[in-house]
Amino acid sequence: MGEQVPSWVPVLGSRRCPTWLVAGLAAAGVVPLAVIVVTSVANWDVLIGAAGRPSPGWTMLATACYLPAAWWPVLVAAVTVAYVRRRARRPEPR
């Protein structure tokens, strides 16, 4: 059993999505997110416009603001693993 698509969605409304599909899509999203983060870190000075600036203030501010975004792929992977573990549990016999 997986999640249920909301009833207002055309064609797929009220149907169940298997756990493997939901987890697979989430896991597939981790890879592009990780690539984006690694590429951004490698080109950080160019991306934030700090290349050639004498003052490090802008670099420090931009880095502090965007640093939490680097955790995005890690957190998506952790939530995906937790989802699979939660859905894979078998109900305890009563």
N, C-alpha and C. Protein backbone atom coordinates (compact mmCIF):
# COMPACT_ATOMS: atom_id res chain seq x y z
N MET A 1 0.83 -1.18 0.00
CA MET A 1 0.00 0.00 0.00
C MET A 1 0.87 1.24 0.00
N GLY A 2 0.46 2.24 -0.73
CA GLY A 2 1.18 3.49 -0.78
C GLY A 2 0.25 4.64 -0.45
N GLU A 3 0.53 5.77 -1.04
CA GLU A 3 -0.29 6.95 -0.82
C GLU A 3 -1.44 6.97 -1.82
N GLN A 4 -2.45 7.74 -1.51
CA GLN A 4 -3.61 7.87 -2.39
C GLN A 4 -3.56 9.23 -3.08
N VAL A 5 -3.79 9.23 -4.38
CA VAL A 5 -3.83 10.47 -5.15
C VAL A 5 -5.09 11.23 -4.77
N PRO A 6 -5.02 12.55 -4.57
CA PRO A 6 -6.22 13.31 -4.21
C PRO A 6 -7.32 13.14 -5.26
N SER A 7 -8.56 13.15 -4.81
CA SER A 7 -9.69 12.89 -5.70
C SER A 7 -9.88 13.96 -6.77
N TRP A 8 -9.36 15.17 -6.56
CA TRP A 8 -9.53 16.23 -7.54
C TRP A 8 -8.58 16.12 -8.73
N VAL A 9 -7.61 15.21 -8.69
CA VAL A 9 -6.67 15.05 -9.80
C VAL A 9 -7.37 14.29 -10.93
N PRO A 10 -7.38 14.86 -12.14
CA PRO A 10 -8.05 14.17 -13.26
C PRO A 10 -7.40 12.83 -13.56
N VAL A 11 -8.17 11.87 -13.94
CA VAL A 11 -7.80 10.51 -14.36
C VAL A 11 -7.26 9.67 -13.21
N LEU A 12 -6.31 10.16 -12.43
CA LEU A 12 -5.69 9.36 -11.37
C LEU A 12 -6.34 9.54 -10.01
N GLY A 13 -7.31 10.42 -9.90
CA GLY A 13 -7.92 10.73 -8.61
C GLY A 13 -8.42 9.51 -7.86
N SER A 14 -8.13 9.46 -6.58
CA SER A 14 -8.54 8.41 -5.64
C SER A 14 -7.86 7.06 -5.87
N ARG A 15 -6.87 7.00 -6.72
CA ARG A 15 -6.14 5.74 -6.91
C ARG A 15 -4.94 5.71 -5.96
N ARG A 16 -4.53 4.51 -5.62
CA ARG A 16 -3.38 4.34 -4.75
C ARG A 16 -2.10 4.24 -5.57
N CYS A 17 -1.06 4.87 -5.07
CA CYS A 17 0.27 4.75 -5.68
C CYS A 17 1.06 3.75 -4.85
N PRO A 18 1.70 2.78 -5.50
CA PRO A 18 2.49 1.82 -4.73
C PRO A 18 3.69 2.49 -4.07
N THR A 19 4.08 1.94 -2.95
CA THR A 19 5.20 2.50 -2.18
C THR A 19 6.46 2.57 -3.03
N TRP A 20 6.73 1.54 -3.81
CA TRP A 20 7.95 1.52 -4.61
C TRP A 20 7.98 2.67 -5.62
N LEU A 21 6.82 3.07 -6.15
CA LEU A 21 6.77 4.16 -7.12
C LEU A 21 7.07 5.50 -6.44
N VAL A 22 6.43 5.72 -5.31
CA VAL A 22 6.64 6.97 -4.57
C VAL A 22 8.10 7.09 -4.13
N ALA A 23 8.63 6.01 -3.56
CA ALA A 23 10.02 6.02 -3.09
C ALA A 23 10.99 6.11 -4.25
N GLY A 24 10.69 5.46 -5.35
CA GLY A 24 11.57 5.52 -6.52
C GLY A 24 11.66 6.91 -7.11
N LEU A 25 10.53 7.59 -7.19
CA LEU A 25 10.55 8.96 -7.71
C LEU A 25 11.30 9.90 -6.77
N ALA A 26 11.11 9.71 -5.48
CA ALA A 26 11.83 10.54 -4.51
C ALA A 26 13.33 10.27 -4.58
N ALA A 27 13.70 9.00 -4.67
CA ALA A 27 15.13 8.65 -4.76
C ALA A 27 15.74 9.17 -6.06
N ALA A 28 14.97 9.13 -7.14
CA ALA A 28 15.47 9.64 -8.40
C ALA A 28 15.68 11.15 -8.35
N GLY A 29 14.93 11.83 -7.52
CA GLY A 29 15.10 13.27 -7.37
C GLY A 29 16.33 13.66 -6.59
N VAL A 30 16.86 12.75 -5.79
CA VAL A 30 18.06 13.05 -4.99
C VAL A 30 19.26 13.28 -5.90
N VAL A 31 19.37 12.52 -6.97
CA VAL A 31 20.53 12.62 -7.86
C VAL A 31 20.65 14.00 -8.50
N PRO A 32 19.60 14.52 -9.16
CA PRO A 32 19.76 15.86 -9.73
C PRO A 32 19.97 16.94 -8.67
N LEU A 33 19.35 16.77 -7.52
CA LEU A 33 19.57 17.75 -6.45
C LEU A 33 21.03 17.75 -6.01
N ALA A 34 21.62 16.57 -5.87
CA ALA A 34 23.02 16.48 -5.48
C ALA A 34 23.93 17.09 -6.55
N VAL A 35 23.61 16.86 -7.80
CA VAL A 35 24.41 17.44 -8.90
C VAL A 35 24.33 18.96 -8.86
N ILE A 36 23.14 19.48 -8.63
CA ILE A 36 22.97 20.94 -8.55
C ILE A 36 23.78 21.51 -7.39
N VAL A 37 23.74 20.87 -6.24
CA VAL A 37 24.48 21.36 -5.08
C VAL A 37 25.99 21.31 -5.33
N VAL A 38 26.48 20.20 -5.85
CA VAL A 38 27.93 20.07 -6.10
C VAL A 38 28.39 21.09 -7.14
N THR A 39 27.61 21.26 -8.20
CA THR A 39 27.96 22.23 -9.23
C THR A 39 27.94 23.65 -8.66
N SER A 40 26.97 23.94 -7.83
CA SER A 40 26.88 25.27 -7.23
C SER A 40 28.05 25.55 -6.31
N VAL A 41 28.44 24.56 -5.53
CA VAL A 41 29.58 24.75 -4.62
C VAL A 41 30.86 24.96 -5.43
N ALA A 42 31.02 24.22 -6.51
CA ALA A 42 32.23 24.34 -7.34
C ALA A 42 32.33 25.72 -7.99
N ASN A 43 31.19 26.34 -8.30
CA ASN A 43 31.17 27.64 -8.99
C ASN A 43 30.60 28.74 -8.10
N TRP A 44 30.75 28.62 -6.81
CA TRP A 44 30.07 29.51 -5.86
C TRP A 44 30.41 30.98 -6.08
N ASP A 45 31.68 31.33 -6.24
CA ASP A 45 32.05 32.74 -6.40
C ASP A 45 31.40 33.36 -7.64
N VAL A 46 31.32 32.61 -8.70
CA VAL A 46 30.72 33.12 -9.93
C VAL A 46 29.20 33.24 -9.77
N LEU A 47 28.58 32.26 -9.15
CA LEU A 47 27.12 32.26 -9.00
C LEU A 47 26.61 33.43 -8.17
N ILE A 48 27.31 33.76 -7.11
CA ILE A 48 26.81 34.83 -6.24
C ILE A 48 27.36 36.20 -6.62
N GLY A 49 28.18 36.25 -7.65
CA GLY A 49 28.72 37.53 -8.11
C GLY A 49 29.81 38.08 -7.23
N ALA A 50 30.52 37.23 -6.53
CA ALA A 50 31.58 37.69 -5.62
C ALA A 50 32.96 37.63 -6.26
N ALA A 51 33.07 37.10 -7.45
CA ALA A 51 34.38 36.98 -8.10
C ALA A 51 34.97 38.37 -8.32
N GLY A 52 36.16 38.59 -7.81
CA GLY A 52 36.84 39.85 -8.00
C GLY A 52 36.44 40.95 -7.04
N ARG A 53 35.56 40.71 -6.11
CA ARG A 53 35.17 41.74 -5.14
C ARG A 53 36.15 41.74 -3.97
N PRO A 54 36.58 42.92 -3.57
CA PRO A 54 37.54 42.98 -2.46
C PRO A 54 36.92 42.70 -1.09
N SER A 55 35.62 42.96 -0.94
CA SER A 55 34.97 42.79 0.36
C SER A 55 34.37 41.40 0.49
N PRO A 56 34.68 40.69 1.58
CA PRO A 56 34.11 39.35 1.76
C PRO A 56 32.70 39.38 2.35
N GLY A 57 32.16 40.55 2.64
CA GLY A 57 30.85 40.65 3.29
C GLY A 57 29.73 40.01 2.48
N TRP A 58 29.68 40.32 1.17
CA TRP A 58 28.64 39.75 0.33
C TRP A 58 28.76 38.23 0.27
N THR A 59 29.98 37.74 0.15
CA THR A 59 30.21 36.30 0.09
C THR A 59 29.73 35.62 1.36
N MET A 60 30.03 36.21 2.50
CA MET A 60 29.61 35.62 3.78
C MET A 60 28.09 35.64 3.92
N LEU A 61 27.45 36.73 3.53
CA LEU A 61 26.00 36.83 3.64
C LEU A 61 25.31 35.83 2.70
N ALA A 62 25.75 35.78 1.45
CA ALA A 62 25.14 34.86 0.50
C ALA A 62 25.36 33.41 0.92
N THR A 63 26.54 33.10 1.41
CA THR A 63 26.83 31.74 1.87
C THR A 63 25.95 31.37 3.06
N ALA A 64 25.78 32.27 3.99
CA ALA A 64 24.94 32.00 5.16
C ALA A 64 23.48 31.78 4.76
N CYS A 65 23.02 32.51 3.76
CA CYS A 65 21.63 32.38 3.32
C CYS A 65 21.38 31.09 2.54
N TYR A 66 22.35 30.68 1.75
CA TYR A 66 22.17 29.51 0.89
C TYR A 66 22.70 28.21 1.46
N LEU A 67 23.43 28.26 2.55
CA LEU A 67 24.00 27.05 3.13
C LEU A 67 22.95 25.99 3.49
N PRO A 68 21.80 26.36 4.05
CA PRO A 68 20.79 25.34 4.33
C PRO A 68 20.30 24.59 3.08
N ALA A 69 20.35 25.21 1.92
CA ALA A 69 19.91 24.55 0.69
C ALA A 69 20.82 23.37 0.33
N ALA A 70 22.06 23.38 0.80
CA ALA A 70 22.97 22.27 0.53
C ALA A 70 22.52 20.99 1.20
N TRP A 71 21.69 21.11 2.22
CA TRP A 71 21.17 19.93 2.93
C TRP A 71 19.97 19.31 2.23
N TRP A 72 19.43 19.95 1.22
CA TRP A 72 18.22 19.49 0.57
C TRP A 72 18.33 18.05 0.06
N PRO A 73 19.36 17.68 -0.74
CA PRO A 73 19.41 16.29 -1.20
C PRO A 73 19.58 15.29 -0.05
N VAL A 74 20.33 15.67 0.97
CA VAL A 74 20.52 14.78 2.12
C VAL A 74 19.20 14.54 2.85
N LEU A 75 18.44 15.60 3.04
CA LEU A 75 17.16 15.48 3.73
C LEU A 75 16.12 14.72 2.91
N VAL A 76 16.11 14.92 1.60
CA VAL A 76 15.18 14.17 0.75
C VAL A 76 15.52 12.69 0.81
N ALA A 77 16.80 12.35 0.79
CA ALA A 77 17.21 10.94 0.90
C ALA A 77 16.80 10.36 2.25
N ALA A 78 16.98 11.11 3.32
CA ALA A 78 16.61 10.62 4.65
C ALA A 78 15.11 10.41 4.78
N VAL A 79 14.33 11.34 4.25
CA VAL A 79 12.88 11.21 4.30
C VAL A 79 12.41 10.03 3.45
N THR A 80 13.06 9.80 2.33
CA THR A 80 12.71 8.67 1.47
C THR A 80 12.97 7.35 2.18
N VAL A 81 14.12 7.23 2.83
CA VAL A 81 14.44 6.02 3.58
C VAL A 81 13.43 5.82 4.71
N ALA A 82 13.10 6.88 5.42
CA ALA A 82 12.13 6.77 6.52
C ALA A 82 10.76 6.36 6.00
N TYR A 83 10.36 6.89 4.85
CA TYR A 83 9.07 6.52 4.25
C TYR A 83 9.03 5.04 3.91
N VAL A 84 10.10 4.56 3.28
CA VAL A 84 10.14 3.14 2.91
C VAL A 84 10.12 2.26 4.15
N ARG A 85 10.88 2.63 5.16
CA ARG A 85 10.90 1.83 6.39
C ARG A 85 9.54 1.82 7.07
N ARG A 86 8.87 2.96 7.08
CA ARG A 86 7.56 3.05 7.72
C ARG A 86 6.52 2.23 6.94
N ARG A 87 6.57 2.30 5.63
CA ARG A 87 5.60 1.58 4.80
C ARG A 87 5.90 0.09 4.72
N ALA A 88 7.14 -0.30 4.95
CA ALA A 88 7.53 -1.72 4.84
C ALA A 88 7.19 -2.50 6.10
N ARG A 89 6.87 -1.81 7.17
CA ARG A 89 6.53 -2.52 8.41
C ARG A 89 5.30 -3.38 8.22
N ARG A 90 5.36 -4.54 8.76
CA ARG A 90 4.20 -5.41 8.71
C ARG A 90 3.38 -5.17 9.97
N PRO A 91 2.08 -5.20 9.85
CA PRO A 91 1.24 -5.01 11.04
C PRO A 91 1.46 -6.14 12.05
N GLU A 92 1.53 -5.77 13.29
CA GLU A 92 1.72 -6.78 14.34
C GLU A 92 0.42 -7.55 14.55
N PRO A 93 0.53 -8.89 14.71
CA PRO A 93 -0.68 -9.67 14.95
C PRO A 93 -1.28 -9.35 16.31
N ARG A 94 -2.58 -9.37 16.38
CA ARG A 94 -3.26 -9.03 17.62
C ARG A 94 -3.68 -10.25 18.37
